């Protein structure tokens, strides 16, 4: 089981660096001036620990950017974005949502 979690974490870290299927909430789009800088901060996030990543999947993070608390979350869907998908399934489509903490 531990190996599977490490595999999911590796896939999620790689996915965050690809800048595909990223959704910025209205609060982020309207309230953050430097979306490129925010994207880089999410991509390089590495402050995972047992408190903020209890399952070790590296699928959620929290950071401060432009004075605002930001959350980001990776969810797993089928190719049509209709149903949840196993994160290790080869057909899994990851979606990264970046939001203001107050929008969570």
N, C-alpha and C. Protein backbone atom coordinates (compact mmCIF):
# COMPACT_ATOMS: atom_id res chain seq x y z
N UNK A 1 0.83 -1.21 0.00
CA UNK A 1 0.00 0.00 0.00
C UNK A 1 0.87 1.26 0.00
N UNK A 2 1.96 1.24 0.75
CA UNK A 2 2.83 2.40 0.83
C UNK A 2 3.41 2.78 -0.53
N UNK A 3 3.76 1.78 -1.33
CA UNK A 3 4.30 2.05 -2.67
C UNK A 3 3.27 2.75 -3.53
N UNK A 4 2.00 2.36 -3.42
CA UNK A 4 0.95 2.99 -4.21
C UNK A 4 0.82 4.46 -3.85
N UNK A 5 0.90 4.79 -2.57
CA UNK A 5 0.81 6.19 -2.14
C UNK A 5 1.98 6.98 -2.69
N UNK A 6 3.18 6.42 -2.67
CA UNK A 6 4.34 7.10 -3.24
C UNK A 6 4.17 7.32 -4.73
N UNK A 7 3.59 6.34 -5.42
CA UNK A 7 3.32 6.49 -6.86
C UNK A 7 2.34 7.63 -7.11
N UNK A 8 1.29 7.71 -6.31
CA UNK A 8 0.31 8.79 -6.46
C UNK A 8 0.99 10.13 -6.20
N UNK A 9 1.79 10.21 -5.16
CA UNK A 9 2.49 11.46 -4.84
C UNK A 9 3.39 11.89 -6.00
N UNK A 10 4.12 10.95 -6.58
CA UNK A 10 5.01 11.28 -7.72
C UNK A 10 4.21 11.79 -8.91
N UNK A 11 3.08 11.13 -9.20
CA UNK A 11 2.22 11.57 -10.31
C UNK A 11 1.67 12.97 -10.05
N UNK A 12 1.28 13.24 -8.80
CA UNK A 12 0.72 14.54 -8.47
C UNK A 12 1.77 15.65 -8.55
N UNK A 13 2.98 15.38 -8.09
CA UNK A 13 4.05 16.37 -8.17
C UNK A 13 4.36 16.68 -9.64
N UNK A 14 4.45 15.65 -10.45
CA UNK A 14 4.71 15.86 -11.89
C UNK A 14 3.57 16.64 -12.53
N UNK A 15 2.34 16.29 -12.19
CA UNK A 15 1.18 16.96 -12.76
C UNK A 15 1.17 18.45 -12.43
N UNK A 16 1.50 18.82 -11.19
CA UNK A 16 1.50 20.24 -10.81
C UNK A 16 2.45 21.05 -11.68
N UNK A 17 3.50 20.45 -12.20
CA UNK A 17 4.45 21.16 -13.04
C UNK A 17 4.05 21.26 -14.49
N UNK A 18 2.95 20.63 -14.88
CA UNK A 18 2.56 20.59 -16.28
C UNK A 18 1.64 21.74 -16.70
N UNK A 19 1.01 22.40 -15.75
CA UNK A 19 0.11 23.54 -16.04
C UNK A 19 -1.01 23.18 -17.02
N UNK A 20 -1.57 22.00 -16.86
CA UNK A 20 -2.75 21.62 -17.65
C UNK A 20 -3.89 21.31 -16.70
N UNK A 21 -5.08 21.48 -17.17
CA UNK A 21 -6.28 21.25 -16.36
C UNK A 21 -6.19 21.96 -15.02
N UNK A 22 -5.89 23.26 -15.07
CA UNK A 22 -5.83 24.09 -13.88
C UNK A 22 -7.06 24.99 -13.88
N UNK A 23 -7.75 25.02 -12.75
CA UNK A 23 -8.93 25.87 -12.59
C UNK A 23 -8.64 26.88 -11.49
N UNK A 24 -8.72 28.16 -11.81
CA UNK A 24 -8.59 29.23 -10.83
C UNK A 24 -9.99 29.72 -10.49
N UNK A 25 -10.31 29.75 -9.21
CA UNK A 25 -11.62 30.22 -8.80
C UNK A 25 -11.76 31.71 -9.08
N UNK A 26 -12.99 32.20 -9.00
CA UNK A 26 -13.25 33.62 -9.25
C UNK A 26 -12.46 34.50 -8.28
N UNK A 27 -12.36 34.09 -7.03
CA UNK A 27 -11.62 34.87 -6.05
C UNK A 27 -10.15 35.01 -6.41
N UNK A 28 -9.56 33.96 -6.94
CA UNK A 28 -8.16 34.01 -7.37
C UNK A 28 -8.04 34.87 -8.63
N UNK A 29 -8.90 34.63 -9.60
CA UNK A 29 -8.84 35.40 -10.85
C UNK A 29 -9.03 36.90 -10.61
N UNK A 30 -9.92 37.24 -9.66
CA UNK A 30 -10.21 38.65 -9.40
C UNK A 30 -9.26 39.28 -8.37
N UNK A 31 -8.64 38.47 -7.53
CA UNK A 31 -7.89 39.04 -6.42
C UNK A 31 -6.38 38.87 -6.46
N UNK A 32 -5.87 38.09 -7.38
CA UNK A 32 -4.43 37.87 -7.48
C UNK A 32 -3.93 38.51 -8.78
N UNK A 33 -2.95 39.36 -8.65
CA UNK A 33 -2.44 40.07 -9.82
C UNK A 33 -1.49 39.20 -10.64
N UNK A 34 -0.66 38.41 -9.99
CA UNK A 34 0.40 37.65 -10.66
C UNK A 34 0.03 36.16 -10.71
N UNK A 35 -0.81 35.77 -11.65
CA UNK A 35 -1.21 34.36 -11.76
C UNK A 35 -0.05 33.46 -12.18
N UNK A 36 0.88 33.99 -12.96
CA UNK A 36 2.05 33.20 -13.34
C UNK A 36 2.89 32.91 -12.10
N UNK A 37 3.11 33.92 -11.27
CA UNK A 37 3.87 33.72 -10.04
C UNK A 37 3.18 32.76 -9.10
N UNK A 38 1.84 32.85 -9.01
CA UNK A 38 1.09 31.93 -8.17
C UNK A 38 1.23 30.51 -8.71
N UNK A 39 1.15 30.35 -10.02
CA UNK A 39 1.30 29.02 -10.63
C UNK A 39 2.67 28.43 -10.29
N UNK A 40 3.69 29.25 -10.34
CA UNK A 40 5.05 28.79 -9.99
C UNK A 40 5.14 28.40 -8.52
N UNK A 41 4.47 29.16 -7.65
CA UNK A 41 4.48 28.84 -6.22
C UNK A 41 3.78 27.52 -5.95
N UNK A 42 2.67 27.27 -6.65
CA UNK A 42 1.96 25.99 -6.49
C UNK A 42 2.83 24.85 -7.04
N UNK A 43 3.43 25.08 -8.19
CA UNK A 43 4.28 24.06 -8.81
C UNK A 43 5.46 23.68 -7.91
N UNK A 44 6.06 24.64 -7.25
CA UNK A 44 7.26 24.37 -6.45
C UNK A 44 6.95 24.05 -4.99
N UNK A 45 5.68 24.03 -4.62
CA UNK A 45 5.29 23.75 -3.23
C UNK A 45 5.88 22.41 -2.79
N UNK A 46 6.55 22.41 -1.63
CA UNK A 46 7.13 21.16 -1.12
C UNK A 46 7.09 21.07 0.40
N UNK A 47 6.21 21.80 1.03
CA UNK A 47 6.12 21.82 2.49
C UNK A 47 5.13 20.79 3.02
N UNK A 48 5.21 19.59 2.50
CA UNK A 48 4.31 18.53 2.94
C UNK A 48 4.79 17.96 4.27
N UNK A 49 3.84 17.68 5.13
CA UNK A 49 4.14 17.00 6.39
C UNK A 49 2.91 16.19 6.80
N UNK A 50 3.01 15.49 7.89
CA UNK A 50 1.91 14.61 8.30
C UNK A 50 0.63 15.39 8.62
N UNK A 51 0.76 16.63 9.07
CA UNK A 51 -0.42 17.43 9.39
C UNK A 51 -1.19 17.88 8.15
N UNK A 52 -0.47 18.30 7.10
CA UNK A 52 -1.17 18.83 5.92
C UNK A 52 -1.25 17.82 4.78
N UNK A 53 -0.64 16.66 4.94
CA UNK A 53 -0.66 15.62 3.91
C UNK A 53 -0.72 14.24 4.58
N UNK A 54 -1.80 13.99 5.34
CA UNK A 54 -1.86 12.77 6.16
C UNK A 54 -1.81 11.47 5.37
N UNK A 55 -2.19 11.50 4.11
CA UNK A 55 -2.18 10.27 3.29
C UNK A 55 -0.93 10.18 2.41
N UNK A 56 -0.12 11.23 2.40
CA UNK A 56 1.13 11.22 1.66
C UNK A 56 0.98 11.31 0.15
N UNK A 57 -0.16 11.79 -0.32
CA UNK A 57 -0.43 11.84 -1.76
C UNK A 57 -0.05 13.16 -2.42
N UNK A 58 0.35 14.15 -1.65
CA UNK A 58 0.74 15.46 -2.19
C UNK A 58 -0.34 16.04 -3.11
N UNK A 59 -1.59 15.95 -2.65
CA UNK A 59 -2.72 16.40 -3.46
C UNK A 59 -3.38 17.68 -2.94
N UNK A 60 -2.79 18.29 -1.91
CA UNK A 60 -3.36 19.50 -1.33
C UNK A 60 -2.22 20.33 -0.74
N UNK A 61 -2.34 21.65 -0.84
CA UNK A 61 -1.35 22.53 -0.23
C UNK A 61 -1.97 23.86 0.14
N UNK A 62 -1.29 24.54 1.04
CA UNK A 62 -1.71 25.84 1.52
C UNK A 62 -0.49 26.75 1.54
N UNK A 63 -0.64 27.97 1.03
CA UNK A 63 0.47 28.91 1.01
C UNK A 63 -0.07 30.33 1.05
N UNK A 64 0.81 31.27 1.31
CA UNK A 64 0.45 32.68 1.26
C UNK A 64 1.05 33.27 -0.01
N UNK A 65 0.23 34.07 -0.70
CA UNK A 65 0.68 34.71 -1.94
C UNK A 65 -0.01 36.06 -2.04
N UNK A 66 0.75 37.09 -2.29
CA UNK A 66 0.22 38.46 -2.36
C UNK A 66 -0.62 38.78 -1.12
N UNK A 67 -0.19 38.28 0.03
CA UNK A 67 -0.87 38.56 1.29
C UNK A 67 -2.15 37.77 1.51
N UNK A 68 -2.45 36.84 0.62
CA UNK A 68 -3.68 36.05 0.74
C UNK A 68 -3.35 34.58 0.98
N UNK A 69 -4.20 33.92 1.77
CA UNK A 69 -4.02 32.49 1.99
C UNK A 69 -4.65 31.75 0.81
N UNK A 70 -3.85 30.89 0.19
CA UNK A 70 -4.25 30.15 -1.01
C UNK A 70 -4.27 28.66 -0.68
N UNK A 71 -5.29 27.97 -1.15
CA UNK A 71 -5.34 26.51 -1.12
C UNK A 71 -5.27 26.01 -2.55
N UNK A 72 -4.64 24.88 -2.75
CA UNK A 72 -4.71 24.19 -4.04
C UNK A 72 -5.02 22.73 -3.76
N UNK A 73 -5.75 22.11 -4.69
CA UNK A 73 -6.23 20.74 -4.50
C UNK A 73 -6.25 20.02 -5.83
N UNK A 74 -5.78 18.78 -5.84
CA UNK A 74 -5.86 17.93 -7.03
C UNK A 74 -6.99 16.94 -6.84
N UNK A 75 -7.87 16.86 -7.83
CA UNK A 75 -8.94 15.86 -7.83
C UNK A 75 -8.76 14.96 -9.03
N UNK A 76 -9.36 13.79 -8.97
CA UNK A 76 -9.17 12.75 -9.97
C UNK A 76 -10.50 12.43 -10.65
N UNK A 77 -10.51 12.50 -11.99
CA UNK A 77 -11.73 12.26 -12.76
C UNK A 77 -11.47 11.32 -13.93
N UNK A 78 -12.57 10.83 -14.49
CA UNK A 78 -12.46 10.09 -15.75
C UNK A 78 -12.19 11.10 -16.86
N UNK A 79 -11.98 10.64 -18.07
CA UNK A 79 -11.62 11.52 -19.18
C UNK A 79 -12.70 12.55 -19.52
N UNK A 80 -13.96 12.26 -19.23
CA UNK A 80 -15.04 13.20 -19.52
C UNK A 80 -15.31 14.16 -18.37
N UNK A 81 -14.53 14.03 -17.30
CA UNK A 81 -14.69 14.86 -16.10
C UNK A 81 -16.07 14.72 -15.46
N UNK A 82 -16.62 13.51 -15.52
CA UNK A 82 -17.93 13.27 -14.94
C UNK A 82 -17.86 12.51 -13.62
N UNK A 83 -16.92 11.59 -13.51
CA UNK A 83 -16.88 10.69 -12.36
C UNK A 83 -15.49 10.65 -11.74
N UNK A 84 -15.47 10.33 -10.45
CA UNK A 84 -14.19 10.14 -9.76
C UNK A 84 -13.46 8.99 -10.43
N UNK A 85 -12.14 9.06 -10.41
CA UNK A 85 -11.31 8.03 -11.02
C UNK A 85 -10.20 7.66 -10.05
N UNK A 86 -9.79 6.42 -10.07
CA UNK A 86 -8.66 5.96 -9.27
C UNK A 86 -7.42 6.73 -9.73
N UNK A 87 -6.67 7.36 -8.82
CA UNK A 87 -5.52 8.17 -9.24
C UNK A 87 -4.39 7.39 -9.90
N UNK A 88 -4.40 6.08 -9.79
CA UNK A 88 -3.38 5.27 -10.46
C UNK A 88 -3.87 4.69 -11.79
N UNK A 89 -5.12 4.90 -12.12
CA UNK A 89 -5.69 4.42 -13.38
C UNK A 89 -5.04 5.18 -14.54
N UNK A 90 -4.64 4.50 -15.57
CA UNK A 90 -3.98 5.16 -16.71
C UNK A 90 -4.91 6.15 -17.40
N UNK A 91 -6.21 6.02 -17.25
CA UNK A 91 -7.16 6.95 -17.85
C UNK A 91 -7.54 8.10 -16.93
N UNK A 92 -6.90 8.18 -15.78
CA UNK A 92 -7.23 9.22 -14.81
C UNK A 92 -6.84 10.59 -15.35
N UNK A 93 -7.74 11.54 -15.17
CA UNK A 93 -7.48 12.92 -15.56
C UNK A 93 -7.46 13.76 -14.28
N UNK A 94 -6.33 14.35 -14.00
CA UNK A 94 -6.19 15.18 -12.81
C UNK A 94 -6.64 16.61 -13.12
N UNK A 95 -7.25 17.25 -12.12
CA UNK A 95 -7.65 18.65 -12.22
C UNK A 95 -7.12 19.35 -10.98
N UNK A 96 -6.40 20.44 -11.21
CA UNK A 96 -5.84 21.24 -10.12
C UNK A 96 -6.71 22.47 -9.94
N UNK A 97 -7.27 22.63 -8.74
CA UNK A 97 -8.06 23.81 -8.41
C UNK A 97 -7.25 24.68 -7.46
N UNK A 98 -7.14 25.96 -7.80
CA UNK A 98 -6.44 26.93 -6.97
C UNK A 98 -7.49 27.94 -6.50
N UNK A 99 -7.58 28.12 -5.18
CA UNK A 99 -8.64 28.95 -4.61
C UNK A 99 -8.14 29.77 -3.44
N UNK A 100 -8.84 30.82 -3.12
CA UNK A 100 -8.60 31.53 -1.88
C UNK A 100 -9.09 30.63 -0.75
N UNK A 101 -8.42 30.65 0.37
CA UNK A 101 -8.83 29.80 1.50
C UNK A 101 -10.29 30.08 1.88
N UNK A 102 -10.72 31.31 1.78
CA UNK A 102 -12.09 31.68 2.15
C UNK A 102 -13.13 31.10 1.19
N UNK A 103 -12.70 30.62 0.03
CA UNK A 103 -13.64 30.02 -0.93
C UNK A 103 -13.82 28.52 -0.69
N UNK A 104 -13.02 27.95 0.19
CA UNK A 104 -13.06 26.50 0.42
C UNK A 104 -14.32 26.09 1.13
